[in-house]
């Protein structure tokens, strides 16, 4: 195992690791997560408003064509409801999303690492298991860790922030 492979793969440095060991984010991590959360919020707003606009247009089409000229329109009504529901959920998530990273507490899990791969629809999906946690990873990570070795992983939600090798596995 290359000592620099994991920091490169997960994009952390010694200062990030030290902060994570103390249960907090480094300043660099706060800025990076803040930017990502802001982007996610803006994306959710755009998608939510777009879907609500589509639902409104479908409602107008339904009112003008199906009510005026008679007929069903059940399929159109269903699509309208789906667009409205997904648009509402996206907007709700965007408006309630936590942008502030100052109160984030970093969690730690340690134990032997196991990575499994499973064929998905279009590609392999890899999952890293450690303790009672699992994280989605990609194939590249399999070359950087030794299955069964003991690692500590520091994470926020489902995002791995930093990791360190502790000892050889049994």
N, C-alpha and C. Protein backbone atom coordinates (compact mmCIF):
# COMPACT_ATOMS: atom_id res chain seq x y z
N UNK A 1 0.84 -1.18 0.00
CA UNK A 1 0.00 0.00 0.00
C UNK A 1 0.89 1.25 0.00
N UNK A 2 0.58 2.17 -0.89
CA UNK A 2 1.29 3.43 -0.99
C UNK A 2 0.71 4.40 0.03
N UNK A 3 1.56 4.98 0.92
CA UNK A 3 1.07 5.88 1.96
C UNK A 3 0.40 7.13 1.41
N UNK A 4 0.74 7.54 0.20
CA UNK A 4 0.16 8.74 -0.38
C UNK A 4 -1.07 8.44 -1.23
N UNK A 5 -1.37 7.18 -1.50
CA UNK A 5 -2.47 6.83 -2.38
C UNK A 5 -3.83 7.23 -1.79
N UNK A 6 -4.07 6.93 -0.52
CA UNK A 6 -5.36 7.26 0.08
C UNK A 6 -5.59 8.77 0.19
N UNK A 7 -4.60 9.56 0.66
CA UNK A 7 -4.83 11.01 0.67
C UNK A 7 -5.09 11.58 -0.73
N UNK A 8 -4.44 11.05 -1.72
CA UNK A 8 -4.67 11.50 -3.09
C UNK A 8 -6.07 11.11 -3.55
N UNK A 9 -6.44 9.85 -3.31
CA UNK A 9 -7.74 9.35 -3.74
C UNK A 9 -8.88 10.12 -3.08
N UNK A 10 -8.81 10.32 -1.76
CA UNK A 10 -9.89 11.00 -1.03
C UNK A 10 -9.68 12.51 -0.91
N UNK A 11 -8.60 13.02 -1.48
CA UNK A 11 -8.31 14.45 -1.52
C UNK A 11 -8.25 15.08 -0.13
N UNK A 12 -7.37 14.55 0.71
CA UNK A 12 -7.15 15.15 2.02
C UNK A 12 -5.66 15.24 2.29
N UNK A 13 -5.28 16.11 3.22
CA UNK A 13 -3.89 16.24 3.61
C UNK A 13 -3.76 16.01 5.11
N UNK A 14 -2.56 16.17 5.63
CA UNK A 14 -2.30 15.90 7.05
C UNK A 14 -3.13 16.81 7.96
N UNK A 15 -3.29 18.07 7.56
CA UNK A 15 -4.10 19.01 8.37
C UNK A 15 -5.56 18.56 8.43
N UNK A 16 -6.09 18.06 7.30
CA UNK A 16 -7.46 17.54 7.28
C UNK A 16 -7.59 16.34 8.21
N UNK A 17 -6.61 15.42 8.12
CA UNK A 17 -6.63 14.22 8.95
C UNK A 17 -6.58 14.57 10.43
N UNK A 18 -5.72 15.51 10.79
CA UNK A 18 -5.61 15.93 12.20
C UNK A 18 -6.93 16.52 12.70
N UNK A 19 -7.55 17.38 11.89
CA UNK A 19 -8.84 17.97 12.27
C UNK A 19 -9.89 16.88 12.42
N UNK A 20 -9.92 15.94 11.47
CA UNK A 20 -10.90 14.85 11.52
C UNK A 20 -10.70 13.96 12.73
N UNK A 21 -9.45 13.72 13.12
CA UNK A 21 -9.18 12.94 14.33
C UNK A 21 -9.78 13.62 15.56
N UNK A 22 -9.86 14.96 15.52
CA UNK A 22 -10.45 15.72 16.63
C UNK A 22 -11.95 15.91 16.47
N UNK A 23 -12.53 15.27 15.45
CA UNK A 23 -13.98 15.31 15.27
C UNK A 23 -14.51 16.56 14.59
N UNK A 24 -13.64 17.30 13.92
CA UNK A 24 -14.08 18.52 13.25
C UNK A 24 -13.58 18.55 11.80
N UNK A 25 -14.14 19.48 11.04
CA UNK A 25 -13.68 19.71 9.68
C UNK A 25 -12.52 20.70 9.68
N UNK A 26 -11.58 20.51 8.79
CA UNK A 26 -10.54 21.53 8.60
C UNK A 26 -11.18 22.70 7.84
N UNK A 27 -10.50 23.83 7.82
CA UNK A 27 -11.03 24.99 7.10
C UNK A 27 -11.21 24.67 5.61
N UNK A 28 -10.25 23.95 5.05
CA UNK A 28 -10.33 23.58 3.64
C UNK A 28 -11.57 22.70 3.38
N UNK A 29 -11.82 21.75 4.28
CA UNK A 29 -12.99 20.87 4.13
C UNK A 29 -14.29 21.65 4.28
N UNK A 30 -14.32 22.60 5.22
CA UNK A 30 -15.52 23.43 5.40
C UNK A 30 -15.84 24.17 4.11
N UNK A 31 -14.82 24.76 3.49
CA UNK A 31 -15.04 25.50 2.26
C UNK A 31 -15.50 24.58 1.13
N UNK A 32 -14.86 23.43 1.00
CA UNK A 32 -15.19 22.49 -0.07
C UNK A 32 -16.61 21.95 0.11
N UNK A 33 -16.96 21.51 1.33
CA UNK A 33 -18.31 20.99 1.57
C UNK A 33 -19.35 22.09 1.42
N UNK A 34 -19.03 23.30 1.86
CA UNK A 34 -19.95 24.42 1.71
C UNK A 34 -20.26 24.70 0.24
N UNK A 35 -19.22 24.69 -0.59
CA UNK A 35 -19.41 24.89 -2.03
C UNK A 35 -20.27 23.79 -2.63
N UNK A 36 -19.98 22.54 -2.25
CA UNK A 36 -20.75 21.40 -2.79
C UNK A 36 -22.21 21.48 -2.36
N UNK A 37 -22.46 21.82 -1.11
CA UNK A 37 -23.84 21.93 -0.62
C UNK A 37 -24.57 23.07 -1.30
N UNK A 38 -23.89 24.18 -1.54
CA UNK A 38 -24.50 25.32 -2.22
C UNK A 38 -24.86 24.93 -3.66
N UNK A 39 -23.95 24.22 -4.33
CA UNK A 39 -24.22 23.75 -5.69
C UNK A 39 -25.43 22.81 -5.69
N UNK A 40 -25.47 21.87 -4.75
CA UNK A 40 -26.59 20.93 -4.66
C UNK A 40 -27.90 21.67 -4.43
N UNK A 41 -27.86 22.72 -3.60
CA UNK A 41 -29.07 23.49 -3.32
C UNK A 41 -29.53 24.21 -4.59
N UNK A 42 -28.60 24.84 -5.30
CA UNK A 42 -28.96 25.56 -6.53
C UNK A 42 -29.50 24.60 -7.58
N UNK A 43 -28.91 23.43 -7.69
CA UNK A 43 -29.38 22.42 -8.64
C UNK A 43 -30.80 21.99 -8.27
N UNK A 44 -31.05 21.76 -6.98
CA UNK A 44 -32.39 21.37 -6.54
C UNK A 44 -33.42 22.44 -6.84
N UNK A 45 -33.05 23.70 -6.66
CA UNK A 45 -33.98 24.80 -6.98
C UNK A 45 -34.31 24.82 -8.47
N UNK A 46 -33.29 24.68 -9.30
CA UNK A 46 -33.51 24.70 -10.76
C UNK A 46 -34.40 23.55 -11.19
N UNK A 47 -34.08 22.35 -10.74
CA UNK A 47 -34.87 21.17 -11.13
C UNK A 47 -36.29 21.29 -10.58
N UNK A 48 -36.42 21.72 -9.33
CA UNK A 48 -37.74 21.84 -8.72
C UNK A 48 -38.62 22.83 -9.46
N UNK A 49 -38.10 24.02 -9.75
CA UNK A 49 -38.89 25.02 -10.47
C UNK A 49 -39.21 24.57 -11.89
N UNK A 50 -38.26 23.90 -12.54
CA UNK A 50 -38.50 23.39 -13.89
C UNK A 50 -39.64 22.38 -13.88
N UNK A 51 -39.61 21.45 -12.94
CA UNK A 51 -40.67 20.43 -12.88
C UNK A 51 -42.02 21.03 -12.52
N UNK A 52 -42.04 22.03 -11.66
CA UNK A 52 -43.31 22.70 -11.34
C UNK A 52 -43.83 23.46 -12.56
N UNK A 53 -42.92 24.06 -13.35
CA UNK A 53 -43.33 24.74 -14.57
C UNK A 53 -43.91 23.74 -15.57
N UNK A 54 -43.28 22.58 -15.72
CA UNK A 54 -43.80 21.54 -16.60
C UNK A 54 -45.17 21.09 -16.12
N UNK A 55 -45.34 20.92 -14.81
CA UNK A 55 -46.64 20.52 -14.26
C UNK A 55 -47.70 21.57 -14.56
N UNK A 56 -47.34 22.84 -14.45
CA UNK A 56 -48.28 23.92 -14.73
C UNK A 56 -48.68 23.93 -16.21
N UNK A 57 -47.70 23.73 -17.09
CA UNK A 57 -48.00 23.68 -18.53
C UNK A 57 -48.91 22.49 -18.83
N UNK A 58 -48.62 21.35 -18.23
CA UNK A 58 -49.47 20.17 -18.43
C UNK A 58 -50.89 20.41 -17.91
N UNK A 59 -50.99 21.13 -16.81
CA UNK A 59 -52.31 21.46 -16.26
C UNK A 59 -53.08 22.34 -17.24
N UNK A 60 -52.39 23.32 -17.81
CA UNK A 60 -53.05 24.19 -18.79
C UNK A 60 -53.48 23.40 -20.02
N UNK A 61 -52.62 22.52 -20.50
CA UNK A 61 -52.97 21.66 -21.65
C UNK A 61 -54.17 20.81 -21.30
N UNK A 62 -54.17 20.26 -20.12
CA UNK A 62 -55.29 19.41 -19.67
C UNK A 62 -56.59 20.22 -19.64
N UNK A 63 -56.52 21.42 -19.09
CA UNK A 63 -57.73 22.25 -18.98
C UNK A 63 -58.22 22.67 -20.36
N UNK A 64 -57.31 23.14 -21.20
CA UNK A 64 -57.71 23.67 -22.51
C UNK A 64 -58.21 22.57 -23.44
N UNK A 65 -57.43 21.50 -23.58
CA UNK A 65 -57.78 20.50 -24.59
C UNK A 65 -58.76 19.45 -24.09
N UNK A 66 -58.50 18.89 -22.93
CA UNK A 66 -59.33 17.77 -22.50
C UNK A 66 -60.65 18.22 -21.92
N UNK A 67 -60.68 19.29 -21.19
CA UNK A 67 -61.93 19.78 -20.63
C UNK A 67 -62.79 20.45 -21.70
N UNK A 68 -62.13 21.22 -22.58
CA UNK A 68 -62.88 21.94 -23.62
C UNK A 68 -63.44 21.00 -24.68
N UNK A 69 -62.66 19.99 -25.05
CA UNK A 69 -63.09 19.09 -26.13
C UNK A 69 -63.55 17.73 -25.63
N UNK A 70 -63.56 17.55 -24.35
CA UNK A 70 -63.99 16.26 -23.79
C UNK A 70 -62.86 15.25 -23.88
N UNK A 71 -63.05 14.14 -23.23
CA UNK A 71 -62.05 13.08 -23.27
C UNK A 71 -61.40 12.87 -21.92
N UNK A 72 -60.54 11.86 -21.87
CA UNK A 72 -59.94 11.45 -20.61
C UNK A 72 -58.77 12.30 -20.18
N UNK A 73 -57.60 11.89 -20.53
CA UNK A 73 -56.41 12.61 -20.10
C UNK A 73 -55.83 12.07 -18.81
N UNK A 74 -56.12 10.81 -18.50
CA UNK A 74 -55.63 10.21 -17.26
C UNK A 74 -54.10 10.12 -17.27
N UNK A 75 -53.53 9.74 -18.39
CA UNK A 75 -52.07 9.64 -18.49
C UNK A 75 -51.40 10.99 -18.29
N UNK A 76 -51.99 12.02 -18.92
CA UNK A 76 -51.45 13.37 -18.76
C UNK A 76 -51.58 13.83 -17.31
N UNK A 77 -52.70 13.50 -16.69
CA UNK A 77 -52.91 13.85 -15.28
C UNK A 77 -51.89 13.17 -14.39
N UNK A 78 -51.57 11.92 -14.71
CA UNK A 78 -50.59 11.18 -13.91
C UNK A 78 -49.21 11.83 -14.04
N UNK A 79 -48.80 12.17 -15.27
CA UNK A 79 -47.50 12.81 -15.50
C UNK A 79 -47.46 14.16 -14.78
N UNK A 80 -48.58 14.89 -14.84
CA UNK A 80 -48.68 16.17 -14.16
C UNK A 80 -48.44 15.99 -12.66
N UNK A 81 -49.09 15.02 -12.06
CA UNK A 81 -48.93 14.78 -10.62
C UNK A 81 -47.50 14.36 -10.26
N UNK A 82 -46.90 13.52 -11.09
CA UNK A 82 -45.52 13.09 -10.83
C UNK A 82 -44.57 14.27 -10.91
N UNK A 83 -44.71 15.09 -11.95
CA UNK A 83 -43.84 16.28 -12.08
C UNK A 83 -44.03 17.21 -10.89
N UNK A 84 -45.27 17.44 -10.50
CA UNK A 84 -45.53 18.33 -9.38
C UNK A 84 -44.95 17.78 -8.08
N UNK A 85 -45.10 16.48 -7.86
CA UNK A 85 -44.60 15.87 -6.62
C UNK A 85 -43.08 15.90 -6.56
N UNK A 86 -42.41 15.52 -7.65
CA UNK A 86 -40.95 15.53 -7.66
C UNK A 86 -40.43 16.97 -7.57
N UNK A 87 -41.08 17.89 -8.25
CA UNK A 87 -40.70 19.30 -8.17
C UNK A 87 -40.82 19.82 -6.75
N UNK A 88 -41.92 19.48 -6.09
CA UNK A 88 -42.10 19.90 -4.69
C UNK A 88 -41.00 19.32 -3.80
N UNK A 89 -40.71 18.03 -3.96
CA UNK A 89 -39.67 17.40 -3.13
C UNK A 89 -38.30 18.03 -3.35
N UNK A 90 -37.97 18.32 -4.61
CA UNK A 90 -36.69 18.97 -4.90
C UNK A 90 -36.62 20.35 -4.26
N UNK A 91 -37.69 21.11 -4.36
CA UNK A 91 -37.71 22.45 -3.76
C UNK A 91 -37.65 22.36 -2.23
N UNK A 92 -38.39 21.45 -1.67
CA UNK A 92 -38.37 21.28 -0.22
C UNK A 92 -36.96 20.93 0.26
N UNK A 93 -36.33 19.99 -0.44
CA UNK A 93 -34.96 19.61 -0.07
C UNK A 93 -34.00 20.79 -0.22
N UNK A 94 -34.14 21.54 -1.31
CA UNK A 94 -33.24 22.68 -1.55
C UNK A 94 -33.41 23.76 -0.49
N UNK A 95 -34.65 24.03 -0.09
CA UNK A 95 -34.88 25.09 0.89
C UNK A 95 -34.54 24.67 2.32
N UNK A 96 -34.52 23.37 2.59
CA UNK A 96 -34.21 22.92 3.95
C UNK A 96 -32.80 22.35 4.07
N UNK A 97 -32.05 22.34 2.96
CA UNK A 97 -30.69 21.78 2.97
C UNK A 97 -29.79 22.59 3.90
N UNK A 98 -28.91 21.87 4.56
CA UNK A 98 -27.97 22.50 5.48
C UNK A 98 -26.73 22.92 4.70
N UNK A 99 -26.50 24.22 4.63
CA UNK A 99 -25.34 24.75 3.92
C UNK A 99 -24.18 24.98 4.90
N UNK A 100 -24.50 25.43 6.08
CA UNK A 100 -23.49 25.76 7.09
C UNK A 100 -22.75 24.51 7.54
N UNK A 101 -21.44 24.55 7.49
CA UNK A 101 -20.63 23.40 7.89
C UNK A 101 -20.00 23.58 9.26
N UNK A 102 -20.25 24.73 9.90
CA UNK A 102 -19.54 25.03 11.16
C UNK A 102 -19.92 24.09 12.31
N UNK A 103 -21.08 23.46 12.22
CA UNK A 103 -21.50 22.58 13.31
C UNK A 103 -21.41 21.10 12.94
N UNK A 104 -20.82 20.81 11.81
CA UNK A 104 -20.68 19.41 11.41
C UNK A 104 -19.76 18.67 12.37
N UNK A 105 -20.19 17.51 12.79
CA UNK A 105 -19.35 16.65 13.63
C UNK A 105 -18.90 15.46 12.80
N UNK A 106 -17.62 15.24 12.80
CA UNK A 106 -17.06 14.16 12.02
C UNK A 106 -17.15 12.86 12.81
N UNK A 107 -17.61 11.83 12.15
CA UNK A 107 -17.70 10.52 12.79
C UNK A 107 -16.52 9.67 12.37
N UNK A 108 -16.23 8.67 13.19
CA UNK A 108 -15.11 7.78 12.92
C UNK A 108 -15.60 6.35 13.03
N UNK A 109 -15.13 5.53 12.14
CA UNK A 109 -15.38 4.09 12.22
C UNK A 109 -14.05 3.41 11.93
N UNK A 110 -13.77 2.34 12.66
CA UNK A 110 -12.53 1.62 12.39
C UNK A 110 -12.79 0.13 12.41
N UNK A 111 -11.94 -0.57 11.70
CA UNK A 111 -12.06 -2.01 11.62
C UNK A 111 -11.46 -2.51 10.32
N UNK A 112 -11.61 -3.81 10.09
CA UNK A 112 -11.10 -4.37 8.83
C UNK A 112 -11.94 -3.88 7.65
N UNK A 113 -11.27 -3.61 6.56
CA UNK A 113 -11.95 -3.13 5.35
C UNK A 113 -12.24 -4.31 4.43
N UNK A 114 -13.44 -4.23 3.83
CA UNK A 114 -13.82 -5.21 2.82
C UNK A 114 -14.50 -4.44 1.69
N UNK A 115 -14.04 -4.65 0.48
CA UNK A 115 -14.64 -4.00 -0.68
C UNK A 115 -15.20 -5.08 -1.59
N UNK A 116 -16.46 -4.91 -1.97
CA UNK A 116 -17.10 -5.87 -2.87
C UNK A 116 -17.56 -5.14 -4.12
N UNK A 117 -17.62 -5.86 -5.20
CA UNK A 117 -18.11 -5.31 -6.46
C UNK A 117 -19.32 -6.09 -6.92
N UNK A 118 -20.28 -5.37 -7.47
CA UNK A 118 -21.50 -6.00 -7.95
C UNK A 118 -21.85 -5.39 -9.30
N UNK A 119 -22.19 -6.24 -10.24
CA UNK A 119 -22.52 -5.75 -11.57
C UNK A 119 -23.84 -4.99 -11.53
N UNK A 120 -23.79 -3.71 -11.94
CA UNK A 120 -25.00 -2.89 -12.03
C UNK A 120 -25.54 -2.95 -13.44
N UNK A 121 -26.45 -2.04 -13.74
CA UNK A 121 -27.03 -2.01 -15.08
C UNK A 121 -25.99 -1.73 -16.16
N UNK A 122 -25.12 -0.76 -15.88
CA UNK A 122 -24.17 -0.34 -16.91
C UNK A 122 -22.71 -0.52 -16.51
N UNK A 123 -22.47 -0.69 -15.22
CA UNK A 123 -21.08 -0.79 -14.76
C UNK A 123 -21.05 -1.49 -13.40
N UNK A 124 -19.85 -1.80 -12.98
CA UNK A 124 -19.68 -2.40 -11.65
C UNK A 124 -19.92 -1.33 -10.59
N UNK A 125 -20.56 -1.74 -9.50
CA UNK A 125 -20.77 -0.85 -8.35
C UNK A 125 -19.97 -1.44 -7.19
N UNK A 126 -19.13 -0.62 -6.58
CA UNK A 126 -18.26 -1.09 -5.49
C UNK A 126 -18.72 -0.50 -4.16
N UNK A 127 -18.69 -1.34 -3.13
CA UNK A 127 -19.08 -0.92 -1.79
C UNK A 127 -17.96 -1.27 -0.83
N UNK A 128 -17.58 -0.28 0.00
CA UNK A 128 -16.58 -0.48 1.04
C UNK A 128 -17.32 -0.71 2.35
N UNK A 129 -17.00 -1.80 3.03
CA UNK A 129 -17.60 -2.13 4.33
C UNK A 129 -16.53 -2.00 5.40
N UNK A 130 -16.89 -1.33 6.48
CA UNK A 130 -15.99 -1.20 7.63
C UNK A 130 -16.88 -1.02 8.86
N UNK A 131 -16.66 -1.85 9.87
CA UNK A 131 -17.54 -1.82 11.02
C UNK A 131 -18.96 -2.07 10.55
N UNK A 132 -19.89 -1.23 10.99
CA UNK A 132 -21.29 -1.36 10.56
C UNK A 132 -21.64 -0.35 9.48
N UNK A 133 -20.64 0.27 8.88
CA UNK A 133 -20.86 1.29 7.86
C UNK A 133 -20.51 0.75 6.49
N UNK A 134 -21.14 1.34 5.48
CA UNK A 134 -20.78 1.04 4.10
C UNK A 134 -20.78 2.32 3.30
N UNK A 135 -19.86 2.38 2.33
CA UNK A 135 -19.67 3.56 1.51
C UNK A 135 -19.56 3.12 0.05
N UNK A 136 -20.13 3.90 -0.84
CA UNK A 136 -19.97 3.65 -2.26
C UNK A 136 -18.60 4.18 -2.68
N UNK A 137 -17.85 3.36 -3.38
CA UNK A 137 -16.53 3.74 -3.86
C UNK A 137 -16.40 3.29 -5.31
N UNK A 138 -15.28 3.56 -5.93
CA UNK A 138 -15.08 3.04 -7.28
C UNK A 138 -13.93 2.03 -7.30
N UNK A 139 -13.77 1.42 -8.43
CA UNK A 139 -12.80 0.33 -8.57
C UNK A 139 -11.38 0.76 -8.24
N UNK A 140 -11.06 2.01 -8.50
CA UNK A 140 -9.70 2.50 -8.27
C UNK A 140 -9.25 2.27 -6.83
N UNK A 141 -10.16 2.41 -5.87
CA UNK A 141 -9.80 2.25 -4.46
C UNK A 141 -9.33 0.83 -4.15
N UNK A 142 -9.81 -0.16 -4.88
CA UNK A 142 -9.43 -1.54 -4.59
C UNK A 142 -7.92 -1.75 -4.71
N UNK A 143 -7.25 -0.94 -5.51
CA UNK A 143 -5.80 -1.05 -5.65
C UNK A 143 -5.03 -0.32 -4.56
N UNK A 144 -5.71 0.44 -3.74
CA UNK A 144 -5.05 1.25 -2.72
C UNK A 144 -5.14 0.68 -1.31
N UNK A 145 -6.04 -0.25 -1.09
CA UNK A 145 -6.21 -0.81 0.26
C UNK A 145 -6.01 -2.33 0.21
N UNK A 146 -5.64 -2.87 1.34
CA UNK A 146 -5.50 -4.32 1.46
C UNK A 146 -6.72 -4.85 2.20
N UNK A 147 -7.45 -5.72 1.53
CA UNK A 147 -8.65 -6.30 2.15
C UNK A 147 -8.27 -6.92 3.49
N UNK A 148 -9.07 -6.61 4.52
CA UNK A 148 -8.85 -7.19 5.83
C UNK A 148 -7.95 -6.38 6.74
N UNK A 149 -7.17 -5.43 6.19
CA UNK A 149 -6.35 -4.57 7.04
C UNK A 149 -7.26 -3.65 7.85
N UNK A 150 -6.74 -3.18 8.97
CA UNK A 150 -7.51 -2.33 9.87
C UNK A 150 -7.27 -0.86 9.50
N UNK A 151 -8.35 -0.14 9.25
CA UNK A 151 -8.30 1.27 8.89
C UNK A 151 -9.21 2.06 9.82
N UNK A 152 -8.97 3.34 9.90
CA UNK A 152 -9.90 4.29 10.52
C UNK A 152 -10.41 5.18 9.39
N UNK A 153 -11.71 5.36 9.34
CA UNK A 153 -12.31 6.22 8.34
C UNK A 153 -13.06 7.33 9.06
N UNK A 154 -12.82 8.56 8.63
CA UNK A 154 -13.49 9.73 9.16
C UNK A 154 -14.46 10.21 8.09
N UNK A 155 -15.72 10.43 8.48
CA UNK A 155 -16.74 10.72 7.48
C UNK A 155 -17.77 11.72 8.00
N UNK A 156 -18.46 12.32 7.07
CA UNK A 156 -19.57 13.23 7.34
C UNK A 156 -20.74 12.74 6.50
N UNK A 157 -21.74 12.17 7.14
CA UNK A 157 -22.84 11.58 6.40
C UNK A 157 -22.35 10.35 5.66
N UNK A 158 -22.44 10.38 4.33
CA UNK A 158 -21.97 9.24 3.54
C UNK A 158 -20.68 9.57 2.80
N UNK A 159 -20.09 10.70 3.10
CA UNK A 159 -18.86 11.13 2.41
C UNK A 159 -17.64 10.86 3.27
N UNK A 160 -16.71 10.08 2.73
CA UNK A 160 -15.44 9.83 3.40
C UNK A 160 -14.57 11.06 3.24
N UNK A 161 -14.09 11.59 4.37
CA UNK A 161 -13.24 12.78 4.35
C UNK A 161 -11.77 12.43 4.40
N UNK A 162 -11.43 11.47 5.27
CA UNK A 162 -10.04 11.04 5.38
C UNK A 162 -10.03 9.62 5.94
N UNK A 163 -8.89 8.99 5.78
CA UNK A 163 -8.75 7.62 6.27
C UNK A 163 -7.28 7.37 6.58
N UNK A 164 -7.06 6.41 7.46
CA UNK A 164 -5.67 6.05 7.79
C UNK A 164 -5.58 4.55 8.05
N UNK A 165 -4.47 4.01 7.64
CA UNK A 165 -4.17 2.59 7.87
C UNK A 165 -3.70 2.46 9.32
N UNK A 166 -4.26 1.49 10.04
CA UNK A 166 -3.88 1.30 11.45
C UNK A 166 -2.98 0.09 11.66
N UNK A 167 -3.38 -1.06 11.04
CA UNK A 167 -2.57 -2.25 11.22
C UNK A 167 -2.92 -3.29 10.18
N UNK A 168 -2.06 -4.29 10.10
CA UNK A 168 -2.26 -5.41 9.19
C UNK A 168 -3.42 -6.26 9.71
N UNK A 169 -4.21 -6.78 8.78
CA UNK A 169 -5.32 -7.64 9.14
C UNK A 169 -4.85 -9.03 9.53
N UNK A 170 -5.78 -9.81 10.03
CA UNK A 170 -5.44 -11.18 10.47
C UNK A 170 -5.40 -12.15 9.33
